[in-house]
Amino acid sequence: PLAYLVITVVQSGSEISIDLELRIGTTNKSAPHVTTERCLFDAGKIDVTFHGGWSWLYNLFSGTISDTIKNSIQEQVCPLLTDEVNNDLNSILDTLDLK
């Protein structure tokens, strides 16, 4: 038989938290403008479980693997949100005719 390995990654959505502090103002052309002042993101608890093959061995390290995945996600979310607000959202706001 062929060796097999199944990896299950579970994240409980109720434990995710995002704290986004925005500064709302206007540009020198009186257009609305939003700037991200602070971003905090917590991915909550992430569980990684291995099944099959050498899973008993891999599961010994599942906590470390879970932490690595969680840290990777957390490092990427705030820069993405900040870019979306500071660039994409403001591009949309620039198109609004507020007169």
PDB file of N, CA and C in Angstrom:
ATOM      1  N   PRO A   1       0.831  -1.199   0.000  1.00  0.00           N
ATOM      2  CA  PRO A   1       0.000   0.000   0.000  1.00  0.00           C
ATOM      3  C   PRO A   1       0.873   1.258   0.000  1.00  0.00           C
ATOM      4  N   LEU A   2       0.352   2.301  -0.597  1.00  0.00           N
ATOM      5  CA  LEU A   2       1.038   3.577  -0.610  1.00  0.00           C
ATOM      6  C   LEU A   2       0.863   4.273   0.730  1.00  0.00           C
ATOM      7  N   ALA A   3       1.901   4.985   1.142  1.00  0.00           N
ATOM      8  CA  ALA A   3       1.809   5.784   2.364  1.00  0.00           C
ATOM      9  C   ALA A   3       0.920   6.983   2.067  1.00  0.00           C
ATOM     10  N   TYR A   4       0.181   7.420   3.037  1.00  0.00           N
ATOM     11  CA  TYR A   4      -0.684   8.569   2.830  1.00  0.00           C
ATOM     12  C   TYR A   4      -0.646   9.468   4.052  1.00  0.00           C
ATOM     13  N   LEU A   5      -0.972  10.698   3.850  1.00  0.00           N
ATOM     14  CA  LEU A   5      -1.015  11.665   4.931  1.00  0.00           C
ATOM     15  C   LEU A   5      -2.108  12.669   4.611  1.00  0.00           C
ATOM     16  N   VAL A   6      -2.987  12.905   5.568  1.00  0.00           N
ATOM     17  CA  VAL A   6      -4.047  13.896   5.428  1.00  0.00           C
ATOM     18  C   VAL A   6      -3.819  14.944   6.499  1.00  0.00           C
ATOM     19  N   ILE A   7      -3.871  16.195   6.120  1.00  0.00           N
ATOM     20  CA  ILE A   7      -3.681  17.288   7.074  1.00  0.00           C
ATOM     21  C   ILE A   7      -4.991  18.042   7.187  1.00  0.00           C
ATOM     22  N   THR A   8      -5.440  18.237   8.407  1.00  0.00           N
ATOM     23  CA  THR A   8      -6.658  18.999   8.658  1.00  0.00           C
ATOM     24  C   THR A   8      -6.279  20.267   9.411  1.00  0.00           C
ATOM     25  N   VAL A   9      -6.681  21.420   8.874  1.00  0.00           N
ATOM     26  CA  VAL A   9      -6.456  22.699   9.550  1.00  0.00           C
ATOM     27  C   VAL A   9      -7.830  23.264   9.884  1.00  0.00           C
ATOM     28  N   VAL A  10      -8.049  23.551  11.164  1.00  0.00           N
ATOM     29  CA  VAL A  10      -9.349  24.037  11.621  1.00  0.00           C
ATOM     30  C   VAL A  10      -9.153  25.378  12.312  1.00  0.00           C
ATOM     31  N   GLN A  11      -9.986  26.350  11.926  1.00  0.00           N
ATOM     32  CA  GLN A  11      -9.990  27.650  12.586  1.00  0.00           C
ATOM     33  C   GLN A  11     -11.426  27.960  12.936  1.00  0.00           C
ATOM     34  N   SER A  12     -11.657  28.280  14.195  1.00  0.00           N
ATOM     35  CA  SER A  12     -13.002  28.622  14.638  1.00  0.00           C
ATOM     36  C   SER A  12     -13.244  30.104  14.384  1.00  0.00           C
ATOM     37  N   GLY A  13     -14.162  30.406  13.487  1.00  0.00           N
ATOM     38  CA  GLY A  13     -14.427  31.781  13.082  1.00  0.00           C
ATOM     39  C   GLY A  13     -14.825  32.711  14.206  1.00  0.00           C
ATOM     40  N   SER A  14     -15.392  32.178  15.255  1.00  0.00           N
ATOM     41  CA  SER A  14     -15.843  33.047  16.335  1.00  0.00           C
ATOM     42  C   SER A  14     -14.695  33.628  17.140  1.00  0.00           C
ATOM     43  N   GLU A  15     -13.495  33.108  16.958  1.00  0.00           N
ATOM     44  CA  GLU A  15     -12.351  33.594  17.723  1.00  0.00           C
ATOM     45  C   GLU A  15     -11.525  34.628  16.971  1.00  0.00           C
ATOM     46  N   ILE A  16     -11.893  34.944  15.742  1.00  0.00           N
ATOM     47  CA  ILE A  16     -11.155  35.926  14.958  1.00  0.00           C
ATOM     48  C   ILE A  16     -11.520  37.322  15.435  1.00  0.00           C
ATOM     49  N   SER A  17     -10.512  38.176  15.594  1.00  0.00           N
ATOM     50  CA  SER A  17     -10.807  39.564  15.948  1.00  0.00           C
ATOM     51  C   SER A  17      -9.937  40.512  15.131  1.00  0.00           C
ATOM     52  N   ILE A  18     -10.558  41.601  14.700  1.00  0.00           N
ATOM     53  CA  ILE A  18      -9.869  42.645  13.953  1.00  0.00           C
ATOM     54  C   ILE A  18     -10.189  43.970  14.629  1.00  0.00           C
ATOM     55  N   ASP A  19      -9.151  44.712  14.952  1.00  0.00           N
ATOM     56  CA  ASP A  19      -9.321  46.041  15.521  1.00  0.00           C
ATOM     57  C   ASP A  19      -8.651  47.010  14.546  1.00  0.00           C
ATOM     58  N   LEU A  20      -9.462  47.764  13.827  1.00  0.00           N
ATOM     59  CA  LEU A  20      -8.973  48.666  12.795  1.00  0.00           C
ATOM     60  C   LEU A  20      -9.350  50.089  13.185  1.00  0.00           C
ATOM     61  N   GLU A  21      -8.343  50.913  13.432  1.00  0.00           N
ATOM     62  CA  GLU A  21      -8.590  52.310  13.792  1.00  0.00           C
ATOM     63  C   GLU A  21      -8.325  53.172  12.565  1.00  0.00           C
ATOM     64  N   LEU A  22      -9.343  53.919  12.158  1.00  0.00           N
ATOM     65  CA  LEU A  22      -9.263  54.724  10.949  1.00  0.00           C
ATOM     66  C   LEU A  22      -9.377  56.206  11.275  1.00  0.00           C
ATOM     67  N   ARG A  23      -8.647  57.015  10.514  1.00  0.00           N
ATOM     68  CA  ARG A  23      -8.776  58.467  10.602  1.00  0.00           C
ATOM     69  C   ARG A  23      -9.541  58.904   9.356  1.00  0.00           C
ATOM     70  N   ILE A  24     -10.637  59.607   9.578  1.00  0.00           N
ATOM     71  CA  ILE A  24     -11.464  60.061   8.471  1.00  0.00           C
ATOM     72  C   ILE A  24     -11.319  61.573   8.362  1.00  0.00           C
ATOM     73  N   GLY A  25     -10.975  62.020   7.180  1.00  0.00           N
ATOM     74  CA  GLY A  25     -10.793  63.445   6.952  1.00  0.00           C
ATOM     75  C   GLY A  25     -11.107  63.780   5.512  1.00  0.00           C
ATOM     76  N   THR A  26     -10.518  64.874   5.056  1.00  0.00           N
ATOM     77  CA  THR A  26     -10.707  65.289   3.671  1.00  0.00           C
ATOM     78  C   THR A  26      -9.361  65.636   3.051  1.00  0.00           C
ATOM     79  N   THR A  27      -9.311  65.542   1.736  1.00  0.00           N
ATOM     80  CA  THR A  27      -8.111  65.937   1.008  1.00  0.00           C
ATOM     81  C   THR A  27      -8.147  67.443   0.810  1.00  0.00           C
ATOM     82  N   ASN A  28      -7.082  67.985   0.219  1.00  0.00           N
ATOM     83  CA  ASN A  28      -7.071  69.429  -0.042  1.00  0.00           C
ATOM     84  C   ASN A  28      -8.110  69.823  -1.102  1.00  0.00           C
ATOM     85  N   LYS A  29      -8.700  68.838  -1.775  1.00  0.00           N
ATOM     86  CA  LYS A  29      -9.770  69.084  -2.743  1.00  0.00           C
ATOM     87  C   LYS A  29     -11.141  68.815  -2.118  1.00  0.00           C
ATOM     88  N   SER A  30     -11.190  68.703  -0.808  1.00  0.00           N
ATOM     89  CA  SER A  30     -12.412  68.453  -0.033  1.00  0.00           C
ATOM     90  C   SER A  30     -13.039  67.088  -0.283  1.00  0.00           C
ATOM     91  N   ALA A  31     -12.292  66.170  -0.843  1.00  0.00           N
ATOM     92  CA  ALA A  31     -12.790  64.805  -1.021  1.00  0.00           C
ATOM     93  C   ALA A  31     -12.562  64.033   0.278  1.00  0.00           C
ATOM     94  N   PRO A  32     -13.461  63.107   0.607  1.00  0.00           N
ATOM     95  CA  PRO A  32     -13.248  62.301   1.818  1.00  0.00           C
ATOM     96  C   PRO A  32     -11.988  61.447   1.670  1.00  0.00           C
ATOM     97  N   HIS A  33     -11.315  61.258   2.786  1.00  0.00           N
ATOM     98  CA  HIS A  33     -10.071  60.482   2.767  1.00  0.00           C
ATOM     99  C   HIS A  33      -9.979  59.683   4.075  1.00  0.00           C
ATOM    100  N   VAL A  34      -9.626  58.410   3.965  1.00  0.00           N
ATOM    101  CA  VAL A  34      -9.516  57.530   5.129  1.00  0.00           C
ATOM    102  C   VAL A  34      -8.086  57.020   5.220  1.00  0.00           C
ATOM    103  N   THR A  35      -7.537  57.034   6.426  1.00  0.00           N
ATOM    104  CA  THR A  35      -6.188  56.539   6.666  1.00  0.00           C
ATOM    105  C   THR A  35      -6.225  55.544   7.821  1.00  0.00           C
ATOM    106  N   THR A  36      -5.547  54.426   7.661  1.00  0.00           N
ATOM    107  CA  THR A  36      -5.450  53.447   8.743  1.00  0.00           C
ATOM    108  C   THR A  36      -4.440  53.940   9.763  1.00  0.00           C
ATOM    109  N   GLU A  37      -4.885  54.091  10.997  1.00  0.00           N
ATOM    110  CA  GLU A  37      -4.009  54.531  12.080  1.00  0.00           C
ATOM    111  C   GLU A  37      -3.416  53.343  12.843  1.00  0.00           C
ATOM    112  N   ARG A  38      -4.227  52.295  12.969  1.00  0.00           N
ATOM    113  CA  ARG A  38      -3.776  51.127  13.741  1.00  0.00           C
ATOM    114  C   ARG A  38      -4.555  49.917  13.280  1.00  0.00           C
ATOM    115  N   CYS A  39      -3.881  48.779  13.265  1.00  0.00           N
ATOM    116  CA  CYS A  39      -4.532  47.527  12.908  1.00  0.00           C
ATOM    117  C   CYS A  39      -4.013  46.420  13.819  1.00  0.00           C
ATOM    118  N   LEU A  40      -4.930  45.731  14.446  1.00  0.00           N
ATOM    119  CA  LEU A  40      -4.596  44.564  15.252  1.00  0.00           C
ATOM    120  C   LEU A  40      -5.467  43.417  14.771  1.00  0.00           C
ATOM    121  N   PHE A  41      -4.857  42.269  14.550  1.00  0.00           N
ATOM    122  CA  PHE A  41      -5.588  41.113  14.067  1.00  0.00           C
ATOM    123  C   PHE A  41      -5.182  39.897  14.878  1.00  0.00           C
ATOM    124  N   ASP A  42      -6.158  39.131  15.299  1.00  0.00           N
ATOM    125  CA  ASP A  42      -5.891  37.878  16.002  1.00  0.00           C
ATOM    126  C   ASP A  42      -6.663  36.777  15.293  1.00  0.00           C
ATOM    127  N   ALA A  43      -5.942  35.792  14.793  1.00  0.00           N
ATOM    128  CA  ALA A  43      -6.559  34.700  14.038  1.00  0.00           C
ATOM    129  C   ALA A  43      -7.254  33.693  14.942  1.00  0.00           C
ATOM    130  N   GLY A  44      -7.174  33.873  16.238  1.00  0.00           N
ATOM    131  CA  GLY A  44      -7.805  32.924  17.143  1.00  0.00           C
ATOM    132  C   GLY A  44      -7.008  31.637  17.221  1.00  0.00           C
ATOM    133  N   LYS A  45      -7.660  30.596  17.631  1.00  0.00           N
ATOM    134  CA  LYS A  45      -7.006  29.300  17.776  1.00  0.00           C
ATOM    135  C   LYS A  45      -7.049  28.538  16.458  1.00  0.00           C
ATOM    136  N   ILE A  46      -5.899  28.095  16.014  1.00  0.00           N
ATOM    137  CA  ILE A  46      -5.809  27.292  14.797  1.00  0.00           C
ATOM    138  C   ILE A  46      -5.263  25.922  15.186  1.00  0.00           C
ATOM    139  N   ASP A  47      -6.004  24.891  14.835  1.00  0.00           N
ATOM    140  CA  ASP A  47      -5.585  23.516  15.129  1.00  0.00           C
ATOM    141  C   ASP A  47      -5.179  22.820  13.843  1.00  0.00           C
ATOM    142  N   VAL A  48      -4.034  22.138  13.889  1.00  0.00           N
ATOM    143  CA  VAL A  48      -3.572  21.334  12.764  1.00  0.00           C
ATOM    144  C   VAL A  48      -3.482  19.891  13.254  1.00  0.00           C
ATOM    145  N   THR A  49      -4.121  18.984  12.536  1.00  0.00           N
ATOM    146  CA  THR A  49      -4.092  17.573  12.891  1.00  0.00           C
ATOM    147  C   THR A  49      -3.712  16.762  11.664  1.00  0.00           C
ATOM    148  N   PHE A  50      -2.792  15.847  11.838  1.00  0.00           N
ATOM    149  CA  PHE A  50      -2.360  14.964  10.758  1.00  0.00           C
ATOM    150  C   PHE A  50      -3.031  13.610  10.916  1.00  0.00           C
ATOM    151  N   HIS A  51      -3.364  12.970   9.799  1.00  0.00           N
ATOM    152  CA  HIS A  51      -4.012  11.660   9.810  1.00  0.00           C
ATOM    153  C   HIS A  51      -3.275  10.730   8.861  1.00  0.00           C
ATOM    154  N   GLY A  52      -3.104   9.494   9.257  1.00  0.00           N
ATOM    155  CA  GLY A  52      -2.517   8.480   8.385  1.00  0.00           C
ATOM    156  C   GLY A  52      -1.002   8.481   8.411  1.00  0.00           C
ATOM    157  N   GLY A  53      -0.427   7.437   7.873  1.00  0.00           N
ATOM    158  CA  GLY A  53       1.028   7.338   7.758  1.00  0.00           C
ATOM    159  C   GLY A  53       1.734   7.584   9.081  1.00  0.00           C
ATOM    160  N   TRP A  54       2.614   8.520   9.048  1.00  0.00           N
ATOM    161  CA  TRP A  54       3.402   8.869  10.239  1.00  0.00           C
ATOM    162  C   TRP A  54       2.738   9.973  11.058  1.00  0.00           C
ATOM    163  N   SER A  55       1.430  10.068  10.987  1.00  0.00           N
ATOM    164  CA  SER A  55       0.730  11.164  11.638  1.00  0.00           C
ATOM    165  C   SER A  55       1.013  11.251  13.132  1.00  0.00           C
ATOM    166  N   TRP A  56       1.192  10.124  13.792  1.00  0.00           N
ATOM    167  CA  TRP A  56       1.470  10.142  15.229  1.00  0.00           C
ATOM    168  C   TRP A  56       2.742  10.949  15.509  1.00  0.00           C
ATOM    169  N   LEU A  57       3.706  10.864  14.611  1.00  0.00           N
ATOM    170  CA  LEU A  57       4.959  11.610  14.780  1.00  0.00           C
ATOM    171  C   LEU A  57       4.741  13.087  14.465  1.00  0.00           C
ATOM    172  N   TYR A  58       4.065  13.360  13.351  1.00  0.00           N
ATOM    173  CA  TYR A  58       3.823  14.751  12.954  1.00  0.00           C
ATOM    174  C   TYR A  58       2.952  15.478  13.976  1.00  0.00           C
ATOM    175  N   ASN A  59       2.010  14.754  14.576  1.00  0.00           N
ATOM    176  CA  ASN A  59       1.128  15.385  15.551  1.00  0.00           C
ATOM    177  C   ASN A  59       1.859  15.826  16.815  1.00  0.00           C
ATOM    178  N   LEU A  60       3.035  15.252  17.057  1.00  0.00           N
ATOM    179  CA  LEU A  60       3.850  15.717  18.183  1.00  0.00           C
ATOM    180  C   LEU A  60       4.257  17.178  17.996  1.00  0.00           C
ATOM    181  N   PHE A  61       4.332  17.605  16.732  1.00  0.00           N
ATOM    182  CA  PHE A  61       4.758  18.966  16.411  1.00  0.00           C
ATOM    183  C   PHE A  61       3.608  19.839  15.924  1.00  0.00           C
ATOM    184  N   SER A  62       2.385  19.355  16.030  1.00  0.00           N
ATOM    185  CA  SER A  62       1.241  20.091  15.479  1.00  0.00           C
ATOM    186  C   SER A  62       1.046  21.450  16.151  1.00  0.00           C
ATOM    187  N   GLY A  63       1.381  21.559  17.428  1.00  0.00           N
ATOM    188  CA  GLY A  63       1.261  22.852  18.112  1.00  0.00           C
ATOM    189  C   GLY A  63       2.192  23.893  17.517  1.00  0.00           C
ATOM    190  N   THR A  64       3.422  23.489  17.250  1.00  0.00           N
ATOM    191  CA  THR A  64       4.398  24.395  16.642  1.00  0.00           C
ATOM    192  C   THR A  64       3.969  24.767  15.226  1.00  0.00           C
ATOM    193  N   ILE A  65       3.466  23.794  14.487  1.00  0.00           N
ATOM    194  CA  ILE A  65       3.001  24.044  13.121  1.00  0.00           C
ATOM    195  C   ILE A  65       1.797  24.985  13.144  1.00  0.00           C
ATOM    196  N   SER A  66       0.872  24.760  14.078  1.00  0.00           N
ATOM    197  CA  SER A  66      -0.297  25.640  14.218  1.00  0.00           C
ATOM    198  C   SER A  66       0.130  27.072  14.507  1.00  0.00           C
ATOM    199  N   ASP A  67       1.089  27.239  15.426  1.00  0.00           N
ATOM    200  CA  ASP A  67       1.581  28.572  15.766  1.00  0.00           C
ATOM    201  C   ASP A  67       2.229  29.250  14.564  1.00  0.00           C
ATOM    202  N   THR A  68       2.974  28.478  13.776  1.00  0.00           N
ATOM    203  CA  THR A  68       3.631  29.030  12.593  1.00  0.00           C
ATOM    204  C   THR A  68       2.601  29.511  11.575  1.00  0.00           C
ATOM    205  N   ILE A  69       1.564  28.713  11.356  1.00  0.00           N
ATOM    206  CA  ILE A  69       0.495  29.102  10.419  1.00  0.00           C
ATOM    207  C   ILE A  69      -0.218  30.355  10.930  1.00  0.00           C
ATOM    208  N   LYS A  70      -0.544  30.363  12.221  1.00  0.00           N
ATOM    209  CA  LYS A  70      -1.245  31.507  12.810  1.00  0.00           C
ATOM    210  C   LYS A  70      -0.405  32.774  12.688  1.00  0.00           C
ATOM    211  N   ASN A  71       0.879  32.698  13.015  1.00  0.00           N
ATOM    212  CA  ASN A  71       1.752  33.870  12.923  1.00  0.00           C
ATOM    213  C   ASN A  71       1.866  34.364  11.492  1.00  0.00           C
ATOM    214  N   SER A  72       1.947  33.437  10.543  1.00  0.00           N
ATOM    215  CA  SER A  72       2.036  33.816   9.134  1.00  0.00           C
ATOM    216  C   SER A  72       0.785  34.564   8.689  1.00  0.00           C
ATOM    217  N   ILE A  73      -0.375  34.061   9.088  1.00  0.00           N
ATOM    218  CA  ILE A  73      -1.636  34.725   8.740  1.00  0.00           C
ATOM    219  C   ILE A  73      -1.691  36.111   9.379  1.00  0.00           C
ATOM    220  N   GLN A  74      -1.357  36.177  10.663  1.00  0.00           N
ATOM    221  CA  GLN A  74      -1.434  37.444  11.388  1.00  0.00           C
ATOM    222  C   GLN A  74      -0.487  38.485  10.805  1.00  0.00           C
ATOM    223  N   GLU A  75       0.681  38.078  10.326  1.00  0.00           N
ATOM    224  CA  GLU A  75       1.640  39.018   9.741  1.00  0.00           C
ATOM    225  C   GLU A  75       1.161  39.571   8.406  1.00  0.00           C
ATOM    226  N   GLN A  76       0.255  38.867   7.738  1.00  0.00           N
ATOM    227  CA  GLN A  76      -0.178  39.275   6.399  1.00  0.00           C
ATOM    228  C   GLN A  76      -1.479  40.068   6.382  1.00  0.00           C
ATOM    229  N   VAL A  77      -2.349  39.862   7.363  1.00  0.00           N
ATOM    230  CA  VAL A  77      -3.683  40.462   7.313  1.00  0.00           C
ATOM    231  C   VAL A  77      -3.648  41.982   7.461  1.00  0.00           C
ATOM    232  N   CYS A  78      -2.965  42.503   8.469  1.00  0.00           N
ATOM    233  CA  CYS A  78      -2.975  43.957   8.688  1.00  0.00           C
ATOM    234  C   CYS A  78      -2.348  44.729   7.530  1.00  0.00           C
ATOM    235  N   PRO A  79      -1.220  44.299   6.984  1.00  0.00           N
ATOM    236  CA  PRO A  79      -0.714  45.021   5.804  1.00  0.00           C
ATOM    237  C   PRO A  79      -1.704  45.010   4.633  1.00  0.00           C
ATOM    238  N   LEU A  80      -2.405  43.894   4.440  1.00  0.00           N
ATOM    239  CA  LEU A  80      -3.398  43.827   3.363  1.00  0.00           C
ATOM    240  C   LEU A  80      -4.575  44.766   3.627  1.00  0.00           C
ATOM    241  N   LEU A  81      -5.083  44.752   4.862  1.00  0.00           N
ATOM    242  CA  LEU A  81      -6.196  45.641   5.207  1.00  0.00           C
ATOM    243  C   LEU A  81      -5.790  47.103   5.098  1.00  0.00           C
ATOM    244  N   THR A  82      -4.610  47.421   5.581  1.00  0.00           N
ATOM    245  CA  THR A  82      -4.107  48.793   5.525  1.00  0.00           C
ATOM    246  C   THR A  82      -3.990  49.260   4.079  1.00  0.00           C
ATOM    247  N   ASP A  83      -3.478  48.413   3.211  1.00  0.00           N
ATOM    248  CA  ASP A  83      -3.359  48.756   1.797  1.00  0.00           C
ATOM    249  C   ASP A  83      -4.737  48.952   1.161  1.00  0.00           C
ATOM    250  N   GLU A  84      -5.667  48.080   1.502  1.00  0.00           N
ATOM    251  CA  GLU A  84      -7.021  48.202   0.959  1.00  0.00           C
ATOM    252  C   GLU A  84      -7.654  49.534   1.348  1.00  0.00           C
ATOM    253  N   VAL A  85      -7.512  49.914   2.611  1.00  0.00           N
ATOM    254  CA  VAL A  85      -8.112  51.171   3.072  1.00  0.00           C
ATOM    255  C   VAL A  85      -7.364  52.359   2.489  1.00  0.00           C
ATOM    256  N   ASN A  86      -6.040  52.389   2.668  1.00  0.00           N
ATOM    257  CA  ASN A  86      -5.262  53.561   2.286  1.00  0.00           C
ATOM    258  C   ASN A  86      -5.208  53.789   0.782  1.00  0.00           C
ATOM    259  N   ASN A  87      -5.375  52.747   0.002  1.00  0.00           N
ATOM    260  CA  ASN A  87      -5.288  52.903  -1.448  1.00  0.00           C
ATOM    261  C   ASN A  87      -6.631  52.657  -2.138  1.00  0.00           C
ATOM    262  N   ASP A  88      -7.123  51.435  -2.049  1.00  0.00           N
ATOM    263  CA  ASP A  88      -8.325  51.064  -2.804  1.00  0.00           C
ATOM    264  C   ASP A  88      -9.575  51.815  -2.336  1.00  0.00           C
ATOM    265  N   LEU A  89      -9.783  51.889  -1.027  1.00  0.00           N
ATOM    266  CA  LEU A  89     -10.964  52.597  -0.533  1.00  0.00           C
ATOM    267  C   LEU A  89     -10.899  54.071  -0.918  1.00  0.00           C
ATOM    268  N   ASN A  90      -9.733  54.676  -0.776  1.00  0.00           N
ATOM    269  CA  ASN A  90      -9.603  56.089  -1.126  1.00  0.00           C
ATOM    270  C   ASN A  90      -9.760  56.325  -2.620  1.00  0.00           C
ATOM    271  N   SER A  91      -9.373  55.363  -3.441  1.00  0.00           N
ATOM    272  CA  SER A  91      -9.596  55.476  -4.885  1.00  0.00           C
ATOM    273  C   SER A  91     -11.093  55.526  -5.183  1.00  0.00           C
ATOM    274  N   ILE A  92     -11.860  54.734  -4.459  1.00  0.00           N
ATOM    275  CA  ILE A  92     -13.314  54.731  -4.630  1.00  0.00           C
ATOM    276  C   ILE A  92     -13.900  56.058  -4.120  1.00  0.00           C
ATOM    277  N   LEU A  93     -13.429  56.494  -2.961  1.00  0.00           N
ATOM    278  CA  LEU A  93     -13.937  57.754  -2.399  1.00  0.00           C
ATOM    279  C   LEU A  93     -13.631  58.937  -3.317  1.00  0.00           C
ATOM    280  N   ASP A  94     -12.493  58.897  -4.006  1.00  0.00           N
ATOM    281  CA  ASP A  94     -12.133  59.989  -4.931  1.00  0.00           C
ATOM    282  C   ASP A  94     -13.116  60.126  -6.073  1.00  0.00           C
ATOM    283  N   THR A  95     -13.832  59.054  -6.395  1.00  0.00           N
ATOM    284  CA  THR A  95     -14.771  59.098  -7.532  1.00  0.00           C
ATOM    285  C   THR A  95     -16.146  59.625  -7.138  1.00  0.00           C
ATOM    286  N   LEU A  96     -16.395  59.774  -5.849  1.00  0.00           N
ATOM    287  CA  LEU A  96     -17.712  60.234  -5.396  1.00  0.00           C
ATOM    288  C   LEU A  96     -17.887  61.729  -5.664  1.00  0.00           C
ATOM    289  N   ASP A  97     -19.050  62.069  -6.132  1.00  0.00           N
ATOM    290  CA  ASP A  97     -19.397  63.469  -6.348  1.00  0.00           C
ATOM    291  C   ASP A  97     -20.235  63.904  -5.149  1.00  0.00           C
ATOM    292  N   LEU A  98     -19.647  64.659  -4.248  1.00  0.00           N
ATOM    293  CA  LEU A  98     -20.323  65.035  -3.016  1.00  0.00           C
ATOM    294  C   LEU A  98     -20.874  66.454  -3.046  1.00  0.00           C
ATOM    295  N   LYS A  99     -20.994  67.018  -4.209  1.00  0.00           N
ATOM    296  CA  LYS A  99     -21.508  68.402  -4.313  1.00  0.00           C
ATOM    297  C   LYS A  99     -23.003  68.439  -4.328  1.00  0.00           C
TER     298      LYS A  99
END
